[in-house]
Protein backbone atom coordinates (compact mmCIF):
# COMPACT_ATOMS: atom_id res chain seq x y z
CA UNK A 1 -0.81 -22.66 47.46
CA UNK A 2 -2.66 -23.79 50.38
CA UNK A 3 -4.18 -22.68 53.74
CA UNK A 4 -2.76 -24.49 56.70
CA UNK A 5 -3.20 -24.19 60.49
CA UNK A 6 -0.84 -25.03 63.33
CA UNK A 7 -1.37 -24.99 67.39
CA UNK A 8 1.48 -25.10 69.84
CA UNK A 9 1.03 -24.64 73.45
CA UNK A 10 4.15 -23.77 75.49
CA UNK A 11 4.63 -23.01 79.05
CA UNK A 12 6.44 -19.85 79.96
CA UNK A 13 6.94 -18.32 83.41
CA UNK A 14 4.38 -20.67 84.81
CA UNK A 15 1.65 -19.54 82.28
CA UNK A 16 0.69 -21.49 79.34
CA UNK A 17 0.62 -19.82 75.97
CA UNK A 18 -1.38 -21.29 73.08
CA UNK A 19 0.43 -20.10 69.73
CA UNK A 20 -1.95 -20.63 66.72
CA UNK A 21 -0.50 -19.87 63.31
CA UNK A 22 -2.59 -19.28 60.31
CA UNK A 23 -0.88 -19.64 57.01
CA UNK A 24 -3.29 -18.41 54.31
CA UNK A 25 -0.91 -18.40 51.23
CA UNK A 26 -0.18 -15.44 49.19
CA UNK A 27 -2.67 -15.94 46.30
CA UNK A 28 -5.29 -13.89 45.62
CA UNK A 29 -7.73 -16.63 45.97
CA UNK A 30 -7.02 -17.12 49.49
CA UNK A 31 -7.07 -13.02 50.25
CA UNK A 32 -10.90 -13.21 51.41
CA UNK A 33 -9.77 -15.21 54.50
CA UNK A 34 -7.09 -12.86 55.77
CA UNK A 35 -9.66 -10.27 57.48
CA UNK A 36 -11.40 -13.27 59.40
CA UNK A 37 -7.88 -14.66 60.71
CA UNK A 38 -6.87 -11.08 61.73
CA UNK A 39 -9.55 -10.67 64.09
CA UNK A 40 -8.26 -11.27 67.54
CA UNK A 41 -4.73 -11.69 66.54
CA UNK A 42 -1.89 -10.44 68.73
CA UNK A 43 0.78 -10.18 65.80
CA UNK A 44 1.18 -10.89 62.11
CA UNK A 45 3.99 -12.19 60.05
CA UNK A 46 4.04 -11.28 56.14
CA UNK A 47 6.17 -13.43 54.09
CA UNK A 48 7.45 -13.27 50.79
CA UNK A 49 9.52 -15.27 48.19
CA UNK A 50 12.73 -13.50 47.48
CA UNK A 51 12.89 -15.49 44.13
CA UNK A 52 9.71 -13.92 42.99
CA UNK A 53 9.78 -10.04 43.27
CA UNK A 54 5.78 -9.90 42.76
CA UNK A 55 5.35 -11.31 45.89
CA UNK A 56 6.93 -8.43 47.61
CA UNK A 57 4.96 -6.02 45.58
CA UNK A 58 1.89 -7.21 47.34
CA UNK A 59 3.07 -7.07 50.75
CA UNK A 60 1.91 -3.37 50.94
CA UNK A 61 -1.75 -4.09 50.27
CA UNK A 62 -1.56 -7.20 52.78
CA UNK A 63 -0.33 -5.00 55.45
CA UNK A 64 -3.16 -2.53 54.92
CA UNK A 65 -5.54 -5.55 55.56
CA UNK A 66 -3.87 -6.64 58.65
CA UNK A 67 -4.06 -3.00 60.02
CA UNK A 68 -7.53 -2.41 59.01
CA UNK A 69 -8.90 -5.76 60.61
CA UNK A 70 -6.36 -6.69 63.07
CA UNK A 71 -5.70 -3.20 64.77
CA UNK A 72 -2.30 -1.81 66.05
CA UNK A 73 -0.57 -5.42 66.20
CA UNK A 74 3.00 -6.11 65.64
CA UNK A 75 3.52 -6.94 62.00
CA UNK A 76 6.77 -8.71 61.35
CA UNK A 77 8.09 -8.79 57.62
């Protein structure tokens, strides 16, 4: 369980695009970070561990937080 951050800048069609990936983990103790990271986000990836069904059970709650704080951004599951 961890919180991690990665940045990658790519060039596409003569434009520079900065990709920031924030990994807040799926544990309850990191949940308070999610609303802050959603502000200004252009998309969200929600992942779960197929070997741990309880992680899938929490996806709808995480999705609600992303929708409330991130607005109508694309969410990939």
